[in-house]
Amino acid sequence: MKIEQKSSTSAEFTAMRDQYMRGGEGFIICYSITDRQSFQEAAEFKELIYRVRHTYDIPLVLVGNKIDLEEFRQVSTEEGMSLAREYSCSFFETSAALRFYIDDVFHGLVREIRRKESSVPTVEKKIKRKDSLWRKLKGSLKKKKGSTT
């Protein structure tokens, strides 16, 4: 029974993760500079996002975290910068614990999202807006219909 429960939880997590990837406007791919495996996993995330979104044109930033633990560093700054160049994205090193450069990461992501939005043709923007508005209306109608029955 425990195995089934764990598999179910894993499947639910994967479904939720994929749903967030489909709907996300931009992504922060973060790894720990003190953990080489986390860097290797981070290197696979853009491909994972691609499999869900079917495009490489995705606003993202790459973040090496835990610069406050420099003495335990396993991933060099150069390796992070190299991966960011490969991904064509911004790169930051941060310390969440000390709040170093955290705002810069989010500002960088917003810049990437705005850059992508400004490159989308106006016609596509209008279609997206109408589609989004239609989804909201349809969703609210479903909620009303469900509450009246």
N, C-alpha and C. Protein backbone atom coordinates (compact mmCIF):
# COMPACT_ATOMS: atom_id res chain seq x y z
N MET A 1 0.82 -1.21 0.00
CA MET A 1 0.00 0.00 0.00
C MET A 1 0.86 1.26 0.00
N LYS A 2 1.95 1.27 0.73
CA LYS A 2 2.81 2.44 0.77
C LYS A 2 3.39 2.77 -0.60
N ILE A 3 3.77 1.75 -1.35
CA ILE A 3 4.35 1.96 -2.67
C ILE A 3 3.34 2.63 -3.59
N GLU A 4 2.10 2.18 -3.56
CA GLU A 4 1.06 2.78 -4.39
C GLU A 4 0.84 4.25 -4.01
N GLN A 5 0.84 4.52 -2.73
CA GLN A 5 0.63 5.89 -2.28
C GLN A 5 1.77 6.78 -2.74
N LYS A 6 2.99 6.30 -2.65
CA LYS A 6 4.13 7.08 -3.08
C LYS A 6 4.09 7.31 -4.58
N SER A 7 3.74 6.28 -5.36
CA SER A 7 3.62 6.42 -6.81
C SER A 7 2.54 7.43 -7.16
N SER A 8 1.43 7.37 -6.47
CA SER A 8 0.34 8.30 -6.72
C SER A 8 0.80 9.73 -6.42
N THR A 9 1.49 9.92 -5.33
CA THR A 9 1.99 11.24 -4.97
C THR A 9 2.98 11.74 -6.00
N SER A 10 3.86 10.86 -6.46
CA SER A 10 4.83 11.22 -7.48
C SER A 10 4.13 11.62 -8.78
N ALA A 11 3.12 10.87 -9.16
CA ALA A 11 2.36 11.18 -10.38
C ALA A 11 1.64 12.52 -10.23
N GLU A 12 1.07 12.76 -9.07
CA GLU A 12 0.39 14.03 -8.83
C GLU A 12 1.36 15.19 -8.90
N PHE A 13 2.56 15.02 -8.33
CA PHE A 13 3.58 16.07 -8.37
C PHE A 13 3.97 16.35 -9.81
N THR A 14 4.19 15.30 -10.60
CA THR A 14 4.58 15.46 -12.01
C THR A 14 3.49 16.19 -12.78
N ALA A 15 2.25 15.83 -12.55
CA ALA A 15 1.13 16.49 -13.24
C ALA A 15 1.05 17.97 -12.84
N MET A 16 1.22 18.26 -11.56
CA MET A 16 1.19 19.65 -11.10
C MET A 16 2.36 20.43 -11.69
N ARG A 17 3.55 19.84 -11.67
CA ARG A 17 4.74 20.49 -12.22
C ARG A 17 4.53 20.81 -13.70
N ASP A 18 4.01 19.85 -14.45
CA ASP A 18 3.76 20.07 -15.88
C ASP A 18 2.74 21.17 -16.09
N GLN A 19 1.72 21.20 -15.25
CA GLN A 19 0.69 22.24 -15.36
C GLN A 19 1.31 23.62 -15.11
N TYR A 20 2.17 23.74 -14.11
CA TYR A 20 2.85 25.01 -13.85
C TYR A 20 3.74 25.40 -15.02
N MET A 21 4.40 24.42 -15.61
CA MET A 21 5.28 24.69 -16.75
C MET A 21 4.48 25.15 -17.96
N ARG A 22 3.31 24.59 -18.17
CA ARG A 22 2.48 25.01 -19.30
C ARG A 22 1.99 26.45 -19.12
N GLY A 23 1.65 26.81 -17.89
CA GLY A 23 1.06 28.12 -17.64
C GLY A 23 2.05 29.21 -17.26
N GLY A 24 3.27 28.84 -16.91
CA GLY A 24 4.24 29.82 -16.44
C GLY A 24 4.69 30.77 -17.53
N GLU A 25 4.79 32.04 -17.20
CA GLU A 25 5.26 33.04 -18.16
C GLU A 25 6.78 33.09 -18.20
N GLY A 26 7.41 32.65 -17.13
CA GLY A 26 8.87 32.64 -17.06
C GLY A 26 9.30 31.73 -15.93
N PHE A 27 10.58 31.38 -15.94
CA PHE A 27 11.07 30.39 -14.99
C PHE A 27 12.41 30.80 -14.40
N ILE A 28 12.59 30.43 -13.14
CA ILE A 28 13.87 30.57 -12.47
C ILE A 28 14.38 29.15 -12.26
N ILE A 29 15.50 28.84 -12.88
CA ILE A 29 16.13 27.54 -12.68
C ILE A 29 17.25 27.76 -11.68
N CYS A 30 17.12 27.12 -10.53
CA CYS A 30 18.02 27.37 -9.41
C CYS A 30 18.74 26.09 -8.99
N TYR A 31 20.01 26.24 -8.68
CA TYR A 31 20.79 25.12 -8.16
C TYR A 31 21.64 25.63 -7.00
N SER A 32 22.16 24.71 -6.21
CA SER A 32 23.03 25.06 -5.10
C SER A 32 24.48 24.98 -5.57
N ILE A 33 25.24 26.02 -5.31
CA ILE A 33 26.67 25.98 -5.69
C ILE A 33 27.43 24.96 -4.84
N THR A 34 26.82 24.48 -3.77
CA THR A 34 27.47 23.50 -2.88
C THR A 34 27.07 22.07 -3.22
N ASP A 35 26.32 21.89 -4.30
CA ASP A 35 25.80 20.56 -4.63
C ASP A 35 25.86 20.34 -6.15
N ARG A 36 26.86 19.62 -6.60
CA ARG A 36 27.05 19.37 -8.03
C ARG A 36 25.83 18.70 -8.65
N GLN A 37 25.21 17.77 -7.93
CA GLN A 37 24.05 17.07 -8.48
C GLN A 37 22.91 18.04 -8.77
N SER A 38 22.72 19.03 -7.91
CA SER A 38 21.65 20.01 -8.16
C SER A 38 21.94 20.81 -9.42
N PHE A 39 23.22 21.06 -9.70
CA PHE A 39 23.60 21.75 -10.94
C PHE A 39 23.29 20.88 -12.15
N GLN A 40 23.59 19.61 -12.05
CA GLN A 40 23.31 18.68 -13.15
C GLN A 40 21.80 18.57 -13.40
N GLU A 41 21.03 18.55 -12.33
CA GLU A 41 19.57 18.51 -12.47
C GLU A 41 19.04 19.81 -13.07
N ALA A 42 19.62 20.93 -12.65
CA ALA A 42 19.22 22.23 -13.21
C ALA A 42 19.49 22.26 -14.71
N ALA A 43 20.58 21.64 -15.10
CA ALA A 43 20.93 21.61 -16.52
C ALA A 43 19.90 20.85 -17.35
N GLU A 44 19.12 20.01 -16.72
CA GLU A 44 18.09 19.23 -17.43
C GLU A 44 16.73 19.93 -17.46
N PHE A 45 16.55 20.96 -16.64
CA PHE A 45 15.24 21.58 -16.52
C PHE A 45 14.77 22.29 -17.78
N LYS A 46 15.68 22.94 -18.50
CA LYS A 46 15.23 23.63 -19.71
C LYS A 46 14.66 22.62 -20.70
N GLU A 47 15.28 21.47 -20.79
CA GLU A 47 14.78 20.41 -21.68
C GLU A 47 13.41 19.92 -21.21
N LEU A 48 13.25 19.81 -19.91
CA LEU A 48 11.97 19.40 -19.34
C LEU A 48 10.88 20.43 -19.67
N ILE A 49 11.21 21.69 -19.53
CA ILE A 49 10.26 22.76 -19.87
C ILE A 49 9.93 22.70 -21.36
N TYR A 50 10.95 22.45 -22.19
CA TYR A 50 10.72 22.33 -23.63
C TYR A 50 9.73 21.20 -23.94
N ARG A 51 9.90 20.06 -23.28
CA ARG A 51 9.01 18.92 -23.54
C ARG A 51 7.56 19.26 -23.22
N VAL A 52 7.36 20.11 -22.23
CA VAL A 52 6.00 20.50 -21.85
C VAL A 52 5.49 21.63 -22.75
N ARG A 53 6.35 22.61 -23.06
CA ARG A 53 5.94 23.81 -23.81
C ARG A 53 6.15 23.71 -25.32
N HIS A 54 7.01 22.83 -25.77
CA HIS A 54 7.32 22.65 -27.20
C HIS A 54 7.94 23.89 -27.83
N THR A 55 8.71 24.62 -27.05
CA THR A 55 9.46 25.76 -27.58
C THR A 55 10.66 26.02 -26.67
N TYR A 56 11.74 26.51 -27.29
CA TYR A 56 12.91 26.90 -26.50
C TYR A 56 12.87 28.38 -26.18
N ASP A 57 11.93 29.11 -26.75
CA ASP A 57 11.81 30.54 -26.53
C ASP A 57 11.02 30.79 -25.25
N ILE A 58 11.69 30.57 -24.13
CA ILE A 58 11.04 30.63 -22.83
C ILE A 58 11.83 31.60 -21.95
N PRO A 59 11.18 32.63 -21.40
CA PRO A 59 11.90 33.53 -20.50
C PRO A 59 12.37 32.77 -19.25
N LEU A 60 13.67 32.83 -19.00
CA LEU A 60 14.19 32.19 -17.79
C LEU A 60 15.49 32.83 -17.36
N VAL A 61 15.81 32.62 -16.10
CA VAL A 61 17.10 33.01 -15.55
C VAL A 61 17.67 31.80 -14.81
N LEU A 62 18.97 31.73 -14.80
CA LEU A 62 19.67 30.65 -14.10
C LEU A 62 20.29 31.23 -12.84
N VAL A 63 20.11 30.51 -11.72
CA VAL A 63 20.57 31.02 -10.42
C VAL A 63 21.40 29.97 -9.70
N GLY A 64 22.61 30.36 -9.32
CA GLY A 64 23.43 29.56 -8.42
C GLY A 64 23.24 30.13 -7.02
N ASN A 65 22.66 29.37 -6.12
CA ASN A 65 22.35 29.85 -4.78
C ASN A 65 23.39 29.37 -3.76
N LYS A 66 23.35 29.98 -2.60
CA LYS A 66 24.19 29.64 -1.44
C LYS A 66 25.62 30.19 -1.54
N ILE A 67 25.76 31.40 -2.09
CA ILE A 67 27.10 31.98 -2.16
C ILE A 67 27.65 32.32 -0.78
N ASP A 68 26.79 32.27 0.23
CA ASP A 68 27.25 32.48 1.60
C ASP A 68 28.04 31.26 2.11
N LEU A 69 27.99 30.15 1.36
CA LEU A 69 28.71 28.93 1.73
C LEU A 69 29.86 28.67 0.76
N GLU A 70 30.56 29.71 0.42
CA GLU A 70 31.65 29.66 -0.57
C GLU A 70 32.67 28.57 -0.27
N GLU A 71 32.95 28.33 1.00
CA GLU A 71 33.96 27.33 1.36
C GLU A 71 33.53 25.90 1.00
N PHE A 72 32.25 25.71 0.71
CA PHE A 72 31.74 24.38 0.32
C PHE A 72 31.39 24.30 -1.18
N ARG A 73 31.82 25.30 -1.94
CA ARG A 73 31.49 25.39 -3.36
C ARG A 73 31.94 24.15 -4.13
N GLN A 74 31.02 23.61 -4.93
CA GLN A 74 31.32 22.49 -5.81
C GLN A 74 31.12 22.86 -7.28
N VAL A 75 30.40 23.96 -7.53
CA VAL A 75 30.12 24.40 -8.90
C VAL A 75 30.70 25.80 -9.07
N SER A 76 31.60 25.95 -10.01
CA SER A 76 32.25 27.26 -10.21
C SER A 76 31.30 28.25 -10.87
N THR A 77 31.61 29.52 -10.66
CA THR A 77 30.85 30.60 -11.31
C THR A 77 30.93 30.43 -12.83
N GLU A 78 32.08 30.06 -13.32
CA GLU A 78 32.28 29.89 -14.77
C GLU A 78 31.36 28.81 -15.34
N GLU A 79 31.15 27.73 -14.58
CA GLU A 79 30.24 26.66 -15.04
C GLU A 79 28.81 27.19 -15.15
N GLY A 80 28.39 27.97 -14.17
CA GLY A 80 27.06 28.57 -14.21
C GLY A 80 26.92 29.52 -15.37
N MET A 81 27.93 30.35 -15.59
CA MET A 81 27.90 31.30 -16.70
C MET A 81 27.86 30.57 -18.04
N SER A 82 28.59 29.49 -18.14
CA SER A 82 28.63 28.70 -19.37
C SER A 82 27.25 28.10 -19.68
N LEU A 83 26.59 27.57 -18.65
CA LEU A 83 25.25 27.01 -18.85
C LEU A 83 24.27 28.11 -19.24
N ALA A 84 24.39 29.28 -18.62
CA ALA A 84 23.51 30.41 -18.94
C ALA A 84 23.73 30.84 -20.40
N ARG A 85 24.96 30.85 -20.86
CA ARG A 85 25.22 31.17 -22.27
C ARG A 85 24.57 30.14 -23.19
N GLU A 86 24.68 28.87 -22.81
CA GLU A 86 24.05 27.79 -23.58
C GLU A 86 22.54 27.99 -23.64
N TYR A 87 21.95 28.43 -22.54
CA TYR A 87 20.51 28.66 -22.46
C TYR A 87 20.09 30.03 -23.01
N SER A 88 21.06 30.88 -23.30
CA SER A 88 20.79 32.26 -23.73
C SER A 88 19.94 32.99 -22.70
N CYS A 89 20.37 32.92 -21.45
CA CYS A 89 19.61 33.57 -20.38
C CYS A 89 20.56 34.29 -19.42
N SER A 90 19.98 35.09 -18.55
CA SER A 90 20.74 35.78 -17.52
C SER A 90 21.19 34.79 -16.45
N PHE A 91 22.28 35.14 -15.78
CA PHE A 91 22.83 34.28 -14.73
C PHE A 91 23.08 35.12 -13.49
N PHE A 92 22.71 34.57 -12.33
CA PHE A 92 22.93 35.25 -11.05
C PHE A 92 23.47 34.24 -10.05
N GLU A 93 24.28 34.73 -9.14
CA GLU A 93 24.64 33.94 -7.95
C GLU A 93 24.06 34.68 -6.76
N THR A 94 23.42 33.93 -5.88
CA THR A 94 22.66 34.54 -4.78
C THR A 94 22.92 33.84 -3.46
N SER A 95 22.41 34.47 -2.41
CA SER A 95 22.29 33.82 -1.12
C SER A 95 20.88 34.10 -0.62
N ALA A 96 20.03 33.09 -0.68
CA ALA A 96 18.66 33.27 -0.17
C ALA A 96 18.70 33.49 1.34
N ALA A 97 19.62 32.81 2.01
CA ALA A 97 19.71 32.93 3.47
C ALA A 97 20.04 34.36 3.89
N LEU A 98 20.90 35.03 3.13
CA LEU A 98 21.30 36.40 3.47
C LEU A 98 20.58 37.45 2.61
N ARG A 99 19.68 36.99 1.75
CA ARG A 99 18.92 37.85 0.84
C ARG A 99 19.83 38.64 -0.11
N PHE A 100 20.94 38.06 -0.54
CA PHE A 100 21.85 38.71 -1.49
C PHE A 100 21.37 38.44 -2.91
N TYR A 101 21.10 39.53 -3.65
CA TYR A 101 20.79 39.50 -5.07
C TYR A 101 19.46 38.82 -5.42
N ILE A 102 18.63 38.55 -4.44
CA ILE A 102 17.34 37.90 -4.69
C ILE A 102 16.44 38.80 -5.55
N ASP A 103 16.35 40.07 -5.20
CA ASP A 103 15.53 41.00 -5.99
C ASP A 103 16.03 41.08 -7.43
N ASP A 104 17.35 41.05 -7.60
CA ASP A 104 17.93 41.11 -8.95
C ASP A 104 17.44 39.95 -9.81
N VAL A 105 17.32 38.77 -9.21
CA VAL A 105 16.85 37.60 -9.94
C VAL A 105 15.43 37.84 -10.46
N PHE A 106 14.54 38.29 -9.58
CA PHE A 106 13.16 38.51 -9.99
C PHE A 106 13.04 39.65 -10.99
N HIS A 107 13.82 40.71 -10.80
CA HIS A 107 13.80 41.80 -11.78
C HIS A 107 14.32 41.30 -13.13
N GLY A 108 15.35 40.47 -13.11
CA GLY A 108 15.89 39.90 -14.34
C GLY A 108 14.86 39.05 -15.06
N LEU A 109 14.11 38.26 -14.31
CA LEU A 109 13.07 37.43 -14.92
C LEU A 109 11.97 38.28 -15.53
N VAL A 110 11.55 39.31 -14.81
CA VAL A 110 10.51 40.21 -15.34
C VAL A 110 11.01 40.87 -16.63
N ARG A 111 12.27 41.28 -16.68
CA ARG A 111 12.84 41.86 -17.90
C ARG A 111 12.77 40.87 -19.06
N GLU A 112 13.11 39.61 -18.78
CA GLU A 112 13.06 38.57 -19.81
C GLU A 112 11.63 38.36 -20.32
N ILE A 113 10.67 38.34 -19.40
CA ILE A 113 9.27 38.17 -19.79
C ILE A 113 8.81 39.35 -20.64
N ARG A 114 9.14 40.55 -20.22
CA ARG A 114 8.74 41.74 -20.98
C ARG A 114 9.40 41.77 -22.35
N ARG A 115 10.67 41.36 -22.41
CA ARG A 115 11.38 41.32 -23.69
C ARG A 115 10.67 40.38 -24.65
N LYS A 116 10.27 39.22 -24.14
CA LYS A 116 9.58 38.25 -24.99
C LYS A 116 8.22 38.79 -25.41
N GLU A 117 7.49 39.40 -24.47
CA GLU A 117 6.18 39.95 -24.79
C GLU A 117 6.27 41.04 -25.85
N SER A 118 7.30 41.86 -25.78
CA SER A 118 7.44 42.95 -26.75
C SER A 118 7.82 42.42 -28.12
N SER A 119 8.34 41.20 -28.21
CA SER A 119 8.71 40.64 -29.50
C SER A 119 7.57 39.86 -30.15
N VAL A 120 6.47 39.63 -29.40
CA VAL A 120 5.30 38.92 -29.94
C VAL A 120 4.50 39.90 -30.80
N PRO A 121 4.16 39.52 -32.03
CA PRO A 121 3.37 40.42 -32.90
C PRO A 121 2.06 40.84 -32.24
N THR A 122 1.60 42.05 -32.54
CA THR A 122 0.40 42.62 -31.93
C THR A 122 -0.82 41.73 -32.13
N VAL A 123 -0.97 41.13 -33.29
CA VAL A 123 -2.13 40.28 -33.57
C VAL A 123 -2.16 39.11 -32.60
N GLU A 124 -0.99 38.48 -32.37
CA GLU A 124 -0.92 37.36 -31.43
C GLU A 124 -1.30 37.81 -30.03
N LYS A 125 -0.86 39.00 -29.63
CA LYS A 125 -1.20 39.51 -28.29
C LYS A 125 -2.71 39.63 -28.14
N LYS A 126 -3.38 40.17 -29.17
CA LYS A 126 -4.83 40.33 -29.10
C LYS A 126 -5.52 38.98 -29.01
N ILE A 127 -5.05 38.02 -29.78
CA ILE A 127 -5.63 36.68 -29.74
C ILE A 127 -5.44 36.08 -28.35
N LYS A 128 -4.23 36.21 -27.79
CA LYS A 128 -3.95 35.68 -26.46
C LYS A 128 -4.87 36.32 -25.43
N ARG A 129 -5.03 37.66 -25.51
CA ARG A 129 -5.87 38.36 -24.55
C ARG A 129 -7.31 37.88 -24.63
N LYS A 130 -7.83 37.76 -25.87
CA LYS A 130 -9.21 37.30 -26.04
C LYS A 130 -9.35 35.88 -25.51
N ASP A 131 -8.38 35.03 -25.84
CA ASP A 131 -8.42 33.64 -25.39
C ASP A 131 -8.41 33.60 -23.87
N SER A 132 -7.54 34.39 -23.26
CA SER A 132 -7.45 34.43 -21.81
C SER A 132 -8.77 34.93 -21.20
N LEU A 133 -9.33 35.97 -21.78
CA LEU A 133 -10.60 36.51 -21.29
C LEU A 133 -11.69 35.47 -21.43
N TRP A 134 -11.72 34.77 -22.57
CA TRP A 134 -12.72 33.73 -22.79
C TRP A 134 -12.59 32.64 -21.75
N ARG A 135 -11.37 32.22 -21.45
CA ARG A 135 -11.16 31.18 -20.43
C ARG A 135 -11.67 31.63 -19.08
N LYS A 136 -11.41 32.88 -18.72
CA LYS A 136 -11.88 33.40 -17.43
C LYS A 136 -13.41 33.39 -17.37
N LEU A 137 -14.02 33.87 -18.46
CA LEU A 137 -15.48 33.90 -18.50
C LEU A 137 -16.06 32.49 -18.43
N LYS A 138 -15.48 31.59 -19.21
CA LYS A 138 -15.96 30.21 -19.22
C LYS A 138 -15.79 29.58 -17.84
N GLY A 139 -14.65 29.86 -17.19
CA GLY A 139 -14.40 29.33 -15.86
C GLY A 139 -15.39 29.85 -14.84
N SER A 140 -15.72 31.15 -14.92
CA SER A 140 -16.66 31.72 -13.95
C SER A 140 -18.07 31.19 -14.21
N LEU A 141 -18.42 30.93 -15.47
CA LEU A 141 -19.72 30.36 -15.78
C LEU A 141 -19.84 28.94 -15.23
N LYS A 142 -18.78 28.18 -15.35
CA LYS A 142 -18.78 26.82 -14.80
C LYS A 142 -18.97 26.83 -13.29
N LYS A 143 -18.29 27.78 -12.62
CA LYS A 143 -18.41 27.90 -11.17
C LYS A 143 -19.84 28.24 -10.77
N LYS A 144 -20.46 29.21 -11.50
CA LYS A 144 -21.83 29.61 -11.20
C LYS A 144 -22.77 28.44 -11.42
N LYS A 145 -22.59 27.74 -12.54
CA LYS A 145 -23.45 26.61 -12.87
C LYS A 145 -23.34 25.53 -11.80
N GLY A 146 -22.12 25.26 -11.33
CA GLY A 146 -21.90 24.26 -10.29
C GLY A 146 -22.49 24.65 -8.96
N SER A 147 -22.52 25.95 -8.64
CA SER A 147 -23.05 26.39 -7.34
C SER A 147 -24.57 26.45 -7.32
N THR A 148 -25.21 26.50 -8.50
CA THR A 148 -26.67 26.58 -8.53
C THR A 148 -27.33 25.21 -8.51
N THR A 149 -26.53 24.15 -8.78
CA THR A 149 -27.12 22.80 -8.77
C THR A 149 -26.94 22.11 -7.47
